[in-house]
PDB file of all heavy atoms in Angstrom:
ATOM      1  N   LYS A   1     -75.990  49.694  46.742  1.00  0.00           N
ATOM      2  CA  LYS A   1     -76.130  48.504  47.568  1.00  0.00           C
ATOM      3  C   LYS A   1     -74.750  47.893  47.780  1.00  0.00           C
ATOM      4  O   LYS A   1     -73.909  47.902  46.868  1.00  0.00           O
ATOM      5  CB  LYS A   1     -77.047  47.482  46.893  1.00  0.00           C
ATOM      6  CG  LYS A   1     -78.491  47.934  46.754  1.00  0.00           C
ATOM      7  CD  LYS A   1     -79.324  46.842  46.098  1.00  0.00           C
ATOM      8  CE  LYS A   1     -80.777  47.268  45.970  1.00  0.00           C
ATOM      9  NZ  LYS A   1     -81.601  46.212  45.316  1.00  0.00           N
ATOM     10  N   GLY A   2     -74.546  47.341  48.963  1.00  0.00           N
ATOM     11  CA  GLY A   2     -73.273  46.681  49.203  1.00  0.00           C
ATOM     12  C   GLY A   2     -72.908  46.647  50.667  1.00  0.00           C
ATOM     13  O   GLY A   2     -73.687  47.028  51.544  1.00  0.00           O
ATOM     14  N   PHE A   3     -71.687  46.196  50.923  1.00  0.00           N
ATOM     15  CA  PHE A   3     -71.186  46.106  52.301  1.00  0.00           C
ATOM     16  C   PHE A   3     -69.668  46.052  52.251  1.00  0.00           C
ATOM     17  O   PHE A   3     -69.057  45.845  51.202  1.00  0.00           O
ATOM     18  CB  PHE A   3     -71.751  44.878  53.018  1.00  0.00           C
ATOM     19  CG  PHE A   3     -71.449  43.570  52.334  1.00  0.00           C
ATOM     20  CD1 PHE A   3     -70.313  42.835  52.651  1.00  0.00           C
ATOM     21  CD2 PHE A   3     -72.319  43.052  51.365  1.00  0.00           C
ATOM     22  CE1 PHE A   3     -70.041  41.627  52.032  1.00  0.00           C
ATOM     23  CE2 PHE A   3     -72.053  41.837  50.733  1.00  0.00           C
ATOM     24  CZ  PHE A   3     -70.914  41.126  51.063  1.00  0.00           C
ATOM     25  N   GLN A   4     -69.068  46.240  53.421  1.00  0.00           N
ATOM     26  CA  GLN A   4     -67.617  46.243  53.535  1.00  0.00           C
ATOM     27  C   GLN A   4     -67.144  44.978  54.250  1.00  0.00           C
ATOM     28  O   GLN A   4     -67.815  44.466  55.145  1.00  0.00           O
ATOM     29  CB  GLN A   4     -67.154  47.474  54.315  1.00  0.00           C
ATOM     30  CG  GLN A   4     -65.648  47.680  54.339  1.00  0.00           C
ATOM     31  CD  GLN A   4     -65.263  48.950  55.062  1.00  0.00           C
ATOM     32  OE1 GLN A   4     -65.222  48.984  56.287  1.00  0.00           O
ATOM     33  NE2 GLN A   4     -64.997  50.013  54.298  1.00  0.00           N
ATOM     34  N   VAL A   5     -65.979  44.493  53.825  1.00  0.00           N
ATOM     35  CA  VAL A   5     -65.323  43.379  54.506  1.00  0.00           C
ATOM     36  C   VAL A   5     -63.964  43.866  54.994  1.00  0.00           C
ATOM     37  O   VAL A   5     -63.156  44.376  54.217  1.00  0.00           O
ATOM     38  CB  VAL A   5     -65.124  42.166  53.573  1.00  0.00           C
ATOM     39  CG1 VAL A   5     -64.349  41.061  54.296  1.00  0.00           C
ATOM     40  CG2 VAL A   5     -66.465  41.632  53.082  1.00  0.00           C
ATOM     41  N   LEU A   6     -63.726  43.699  56.300  1.00  0.00           N
ATOM     42  CA  LEU A   6     -62.443  44.041  56.898  1.00  0.00           C
ATOM     43  C   LEU A   6     -61.745  42.748  57.293  1.00  0.00           C
ATOM     44  O   LEU A   6     -62.243  41.994  58.130  1.00  0.00           O
ATOM     45  CB  LEU A   6     -62.640  44.928  58.127  1.00  0.00           C
ATOM     46  CG  LEU A   6     -61.371  45.256  58.938  1.00  0.00           C
ATOM     47  CD1 LEU A   6     -60.362  46.009  58.083  1.00  0.00           C
ATOM     48  CD2 LEU A   6     -61.726  46.052  60.190  1.00  0.00           C
ATOM     49  N   TYR A   7     -60.600  42.480  56.663  1.00  0.00           N
ATOM     50  CA  TYR A   7     -59.838  41.270  56.949  1.00  0.00           C
ATOM     51  C   TYR A   7     -58.476  41.658  57.513  1.00  0.00           C
ATOM     52  O   TYR A   7     -57.788  42.522  56.958  1.00  0.00           O
ATOM     53  CB  TYR A   7     -59.620  40.436  55.677  1.00  0.00           C
ATOM     54  CG  TYR A   7     -58.752  39.221  55.943  1.00  0.00           C
ATOM     55  CD1 TYR A   7     -59.323  38.031  56.382  1.00  0.00           C
ATOM     56  CD2 TYR A   7     -57.377  39.288  55.815  1.00  0.00           C
ATOM     57  CE1 TYR A   7     -58.536  36.932  56.679  1.00  0.00           C
ATOM     58  CE2 TYR A   7     -56.577  38.192  56.098  1.00  0.00           C
ATOM     59  CZ  TYR A   7     -57.164  37.023  56.528  1.00  0.00           C
ATOM     60  OH  TYR A   7     -56.380  35.937  56.833  1.00  0.00           O
ATOM     61  N   SER A   8     -58.083  41.032  58.618  1.00  0.00           N
ATOM     62  CA  SER A   8     -56.751  41.289  59.166  1.00  0.00           C
ATOM     63  C   SER A   8     -56.149  39.995  59.687  1.00  0.00           C
ATOM     64  O   SER A   8     -56.862  39.103  60.155  1.00  0.00           O
ATOM     65  CB  SER A   8     -56.816  42.328  60.294  1.00  0.00           C
ATOM     66  OG  SER A   8     -57.555  41.828  61.402  1.00  0.00           O
ATOM     67  N   SER A   9     -54.824  39.913  59.583  1.00  0.00           N
ATOM     68  CA  SER A   9     -54.123  38.703  60.013  1.00  0.00           C
ATOM     69  C   SER A   9     -52.714  39.061  60.445  1.00  0.00           C
ATOM     70  O   SER A   9     -52.051  39.900  59.836  1.00  0.00           O
ATOM     71  CB  SER A   9     -54.061  37.696  58.856  1.00  0.00           C
ATOM     72  OG  SER A   9     -53.337  36.540  59.222  1.00  0.00           O
ATOM     73  N   ARG A  10     -52.272  38.438  61.522  1.00  0.00           N
ATOM     74  CA  ARG A  10     -50.889  38.604  61.964  1.00  0.00           C
ATOM     75  C   ARG A  10     -50.358  37.256  62.436  1.00  0.00           C
ATOM     76  O   ARG A  10     -51.099  36.412  62.942  1.00  0.00           O
ATOM     77  CB  ARG A  10     -50.772  39.653  63.070  1.00  0.00           C
ATOM     78  CG  ARG A  10     -51.581  39.363  64.308  1.00  0.00           C
ATOM     79  CD  ARG A  10     -51.409  40.466  65.353  1.00  0.00           C
ATOM     80  NE  ARG A  10     -52.268  40.217  66.509  1.00  0.00           N
ATOM     81  CZ  ARG A  10     -53.500  40.697  66.649  1.00  0.00           C
ATOM     82  NH1 ARG A  10     -54.006  41.488  65.701  1.00  0.00           N
ATOM     83  NH2 ARG A  10     -54.224  40.416  67.708  1.00  0.00           N
ATOM     84  N   MET A  11     -49.048  37.081  62.287  1.00  0.00           N
ATOM     85  CA  MET A  11     -48.404  35.810  62.596  1.00  0.00           C
ATOM     86  C   MET A  11     -47.548  35.885  63.854  1.00  0.00           C
ATOM     87  O   MET A  11     -46.804  34.944  64.157  1.00  0.00           O
ATOM     88  CB  MET A  11     -47.526  35.363  61.422  1.00  0.00           C
ATOM     89  CG  MET A  11     -48.261  35.240  60.104  1.00  0.00           C
ATOM     90  SD  MET A  11     -47.202  34.688  58.747  1.00  0.00           S
ATOM     91  CE  MET A  11     -46.914  32.973  59.197  1.00  0.00           C
ATOM     92  N   HIS A  12     -47.658  36.999  64.629  1.00  0.00           N
ATOM     93  CA  HIS A  12     -46.740  37.233  65.737  1.00  0.00           C
ATOM     94  C   HIS A  12     -47.438  37.543  67.047  1.00  0.00           C
ATOM     95  O   HIS A  12     -46.777  37.851  68.044  1.00  0.00           O
ATOM     96  CB  HIS A  12     -45.792  38.377  65.383  1.00  0.00           C
ATOM     97  CG  HIS A  12     -46.493  39.570  64.809  1.00  0.00           C
ATOM     98  ND1 HIS A  12     -47.164  40.486  65.580  1.00  0.00           N
ATOM     99  CD2 HIS A  12     -46.680  39.958  63.523  1.00  0.00           C
ATOM    100  CE1 HIS A  12     -47.708  41.398  64.796  1.00  0.00           C
ATOM    101  NE2 HIS A  12     -47.428  41.105  63.537  1.00  0.00           N
ATOM    102  N   ASN A  13     -48.755  37.493  67.066  1.00  0.00           N
ATOM    103  CA  ASN A  13     -49.522  37.665  68.301  1.00  0.00           C
ATOM    104  C   ASN A  13     -50.907  37.085  68.044  1.00  0.00           C
ATOM    105  O   ASN A  13     -51.602  37.520  67.129  1.00  0.00           O
ATOM    106  CB  ASN A  13     -49.617  39.145  68.693  1.00  0.00           C
ATOM    107  CG  ASN A  13     -50.287  39.331  70.049  1.00  0.00           C
ATOM    108  OD1 ASN A  13     -51.435  38.953  70.237  1.00  0.00           O
ATOM    109  ND2 ASN A  13     -49.572  39.925  70.981  1.00  0.00           N
ATOM    110  N   GLU A  14     -51.300  36.099  68.847  1.00  0.00           N
ATOM    111  CA  GLU A  14     -52.526  35.364  68.546  1.00  0.00           C
ATOM    112  C   GLU A  14     -53.774  35.937  69.203  1.00  0.00           C
ATOM    113  O   GLU A  14     -54.865  35.371  69.077  1.00  0.00           O
ATOM    114  CB  GLU A  14     -52.367  33.908  68.963  1.00  0.00           C
ATOM    115  CG  GLU A  14     -52.218  33.696  70.464  1.00  0.00           C
ATOM    116  CD  GLU A  14     -51.978  32.240  70.814  1.00  0.00           C
ATOM    117  OE1 GLU A  14     -51.765  31.422  69.897  1.00  0.00           O
ATOM    118  OE2 GLU A  14     -51.997  31.921  72.009  1.00  0.00           O
ATOM    119  N   ALA A  15     -53.648  37.079  69.895  1.00  0.00           N
ATOM    120  CA  ALA A  15     -54.818  37.677  70.533  1.00  0.00           C
ATOM    121  C   ALA A  15     -55.912  37.920  69.491  1.00  0.00           C
ATOM    122  O   ALA A  15     -55.655  38.426  68.410  1.00  0.00           O
ATOM    123  CB  ALA A  15     -54.432  38.997  71.196  1.00  0.00           C
ATOM    124  N   GLY A  16     -57.121  37.542  69.826  1.00  0.00           N
ATOM    125  CA  GLY A  16     -58.239  37.681  68.878  1.00  0.00           C
ATOM    126  C   GLY A  16     -58.500  36.447  68.080  1.00  0.00           C
ATOM    127  O   GLY A  16     -59.613  36.240  67.603  1.00  0.00           O
ATOM    128  N   GLY A  17     -57.470  35.604  67.907  1.00  0.00           N
ATOM    129  CA  GLY A  17     -57.653  34.315  67.245  1.00  0.00           C
ATOM    130  C   GLY A  17     -58.260  34.417  65.860  1.00  0.00           C
ATOM    131  O   GLY A  17     -58.025  35.375  65.117  1.00  0.00           O
ATOM    132  N   THR A  18     -59.044  33.408  65.514  1.00  0.00           N
ATOM    133  CA  THR A  18     -59.722  33.359  64.216  1.00  0.00           C
ATOM    134  C   THR A  18     -61.188  33.709  64.421  1.00  0.00           C
ATOM    135  O   THR A  18     -61.889  33.014  65.151  1.00  0.00           O
ATOM    136  CB  THR A  18     -59.603  31.962  63.596  1.00  0.00           C
ATOM    137  OG1 THR A  18     -58.221  31.620  63.502  1.00  0.00           O
ATOM    138  CG2 THR A  18     -60.228  31.924  62.213  1.00  0.00           C
ATOM    139  N   LYS A  19     -61.634  34.780  63.789  1.00  0.00           N
ATOM    140  CA  LYS A  19     -63.010  35.256  63.976  1.00  0.00           C
ATOM    141  C   LYS A  19     -63.673  35.512  62.630  1.00  0.00           C
ATOM    142  O   LYS A  19     -63.008  35.916  61.674  1.00  0.00           O
ATOM    143  CB  LYS A  19     -63.029  36.569  64.776  1.00  0.00           C
ATOM    144  CG  LYS A  19     -62.287  36.514  66.106  1.00  0.00           C
ATOM    145  CD  LYS A  19     -62.944  35.587  67.108  1.00  0.00           C
ATOM    146  CE  LYS A  19     -62.215  35.631  68.447  1.00  0.00           C
ATOM    147  NZ  LYS A  19     -62.736  34.619  69.391  1.00  0.00           N
ATOM    148  N   GLU A  20     -64.992  35.292  62.598  1.00  0.00           N
ATOM    149  CA  GLU A  20     -65.803  35.629  61.426  1.00  0.00           C
ATOM    150  C   GLU A  20     -67.128  36.183  61.929  1.00  0.00           C
ATOM    151  O   GLU A  20     -67.951  35.442  62.464  1.00  0.00           O
ATOM    152  CB  GLU A  20     -66.037  34.395  60.546  1.00  0.00           C
ATOM    153  CG  GLU A  20     -64.778  33.899  59.866  1.00  0.00           C
ATOM    154  CD  GLU A  20     -65.014  32.622  59.078  1.00  0.00           C
ATOM    155  OE1 GLU A  20     -65.798  32.656  58.122  1.00  0.00           O
ATOM    156  OE2 GLU A  20     -64.425  31.590  59.437  1.00  0.00           O
ATOM    157  N   TYR A  21     -67.302  37.473  61.767  1.00  0.00           N
ATOM    158  CA  TYR A  21     -68.508  38.156  62.222  1.00  0.00           C
ATOM    159  C   TYR A  21     -69.235  38.753  61.026  1.00  0.00           C
ATOM    160  O   TYR A  21     -68.651  39.538  60.269  1.00  0.00           O
ATOM    161  CB  TYR A  21     -68.164  39.289  63.191  1.00  0.00           C
ATOM    162  CG  TYR A  21     -67.430  38.871  64.451  1.00  0.00           C
ATOM    163  CD1 TYR A  21     -66.562  39.762  65.075  1.00  0.00           C
ATOM    164  CD2 TYR A  21     -67.598  37.608  65.014  1.00  0.00           C
ATOM    165  CE1 TYR A  21     -65.882  39.411  66.237  1.00  0.00           C
ATOM    166  CE2 TYR A  21     -66.924  37.240  66.165  1.00  0.00           C
ATOM    167  CZ  TYR A  21     -66.065  38.143  66.781  1.00  0.00           C
ATOM    168  OH  TYR A  21     -65.394  37.786  67.921  1.00  0.00           O
ATOM    169  N   TYR A  22     -70.499  38.400  60.887  1.00  0.00           N
ATOM    170  CA  TYR A  22     -71.375  38.995  59.869  1.00  0.00           C
ATOM    171  C   TYR A  22     -72.374  39.904  60.570  1.00  0.00           C
ATOM    172  O   TYR A  22     -73.031  39.486  61.527  1.00  0.00           O
ATOM    173  CB  TYR A  22     -72.107  37.902  59.084  1.00  0.00           C
ATOM    174  CG  TYR A  22     -71.267  37.268  58.015  1.00  0.00           C
ATOM    175  CD1 TYR A  22     -70.313  36.306  58.341  1.00  0.00           C
ATOM    176  CD2 TYR A  22     -71.394  37.643  56.677  1.00  0.00           C
ATOM    177  CE1 TYR A  22     -69.507  35.727  57.353  1.00  0.00           C
ATOM    178  CE2 TYR A  22     -70.592  37.070  55.691  1.00  0.00           C
ATOM    179  CZ  TYR A  22     -69.658  36.116  56.042  1.00  0.00           C
ATOM    180  OH  TYR A  22     -68.868  35.560  55.065  1.00  0.00           O
ATOM    181  N   TYR A  23     -72.480  41.148  60.085  1.00  0.00           N
ATOM    182  CA  TYR A  23     -73.364  42.127  60.692  1.00  0.00           C
ATOM    183  C   TYR A  23     -74.479  42.520  59.733  1.00  0.00           C
ATOM    184  O   TYR A  23     -74.266  42.636  58.527  1.00  0.00           O
ATOM    185  CB  TYR A  23     -72.591  43.399  61.054  1.00  0.00           C
ATOM    186  CG  TYR A  23     -71.486  43.202  62.069  1.00  0.00           C
ATOM    187  CD1 TYR A  23     -70.164  43.068  61.648  1.00  0.00           C
ATOM    188  CD2 TYR A  23     -71.760  43.155  63.429  1.00  0.00           C
ATOM    189  CE1 TYR A  23     -69.142  42.902  62.564  1.00  0.00           C
ATOM    190  CE2 TYR A  23     -70.740  42.986  64.358  1.00  0.00           C
ATOM    191  CZ  TYR A  23     -69.428  42.857  63.919  1.00  0.00           C
ATOM    192  OH  TYR A  23     -68.414  42.680  64.824  1.00  0.00           O
ATOM    193  N   SER A  24     -75.663  42.738  60.304  1.00  0.00           N
ATOM    194  CA  SER A  24     -76.743  43.434  59.609  1.00  0.00           C
ATOM    195  C   SER A  24     -77.245  44.513  60.556  1.00  0.00           C
ATOM    196  O   SER A  24     -76.780  44.620  61.696  1.00  0.00           O
ATOM    197  CB  SER A  24     -77.880  42.478  59.250  1.00  0.00           C
ATOM    198  OG  SER A  24     -78.626  42.110  60.398  1.00  0.00           O
ATOM    199  N   ASN A  25     -78.202  45.291  60.112  1.00  0.00           N
ATOM    200  CA  ASN A  25     -78.768  46.329  60.963  1.00  0.00           C
ATOM    201  C   ASN A  25     -79.507  45.737  62.162  1.00  0.00           C
ATOM    202  O   ASN A  25     -79.750  46.412  63.151  1.00  0.00           O
ATOM    203  CB  ASN A  25     -79.717  47.208  60.137  1.00  0.00           C
ATOM    204  CG  ASN A  25     -80.197  48.413  60.899  1.00  0.00           C
ATOM    205  OD1 ASN A  25     -81.385  48.578  61.113  1.00  0.00           O
ATOM    206  ND2 ASN A  25     -79.278  49.259  61.331  1.00  0.00           N
ATOM    207  N   GLY A  26     -79.833  44.432  62.068  1.00  0.00           N
ATOM    208  CA  GLY A  26     -80.603  43.799  63.145  1.00  0.00           C
ATOM    209  C   GLY A  26     -79.779  43.030  64.155  1.00  0.00           C
ATOM    210  O   GLY A  26     -80.302  42.604  65.188  1.00  0.00           O
ATOM    211  N   GLY A  27     -78.463  42.813  63.886  1.00  0.00           N
ATOM    212  CA  GLY A  27     -77.663  42.042  64.822  1.00  0.00           C
ATOM    213  C   GLY A  27     -76.460  41.422  64.133  1.00  0.00           C
ATOM    214  O   GLY A  27     -75.930  41.986  63.162  1.00  0.00           O
ATOM    215  N   MET A  28     -76.054  40.239  64.593  1.00  0.00           N
ATOM    216  CA  MET A  28     -74.837  39.653  64.046  1.00  0.00           C
ATOM    217  C   MET A  28     -74.871  38.131  64.071  1.00  0.00           C
ATOM    218  O   MET A  28     -75.597  37.507  64.848  1.00  0.00           O
ATOM    219  CB  MET A  28     -73.618  40.149  64.818  1.00  0.00           C
ATOM    220  CG  MET A  28     -73.534  39.675  66.247  1.00  0.00           C
ATOM    221  SD  MET A  28     -72.053  40.281  67.133  1.00  0.00           S
ATOM    222  CE  MET A  28     -70.751  39.377  66.284  1.00  0.00           C
TER     223      MET A  28
END
């Protein structure tokens, strides 16, 4: 049982901004 967390951050290009997405098999 478990899940993965992918975290990324950069200080030199703001494309994508600040996002937090939680996924399940049924949606997000």
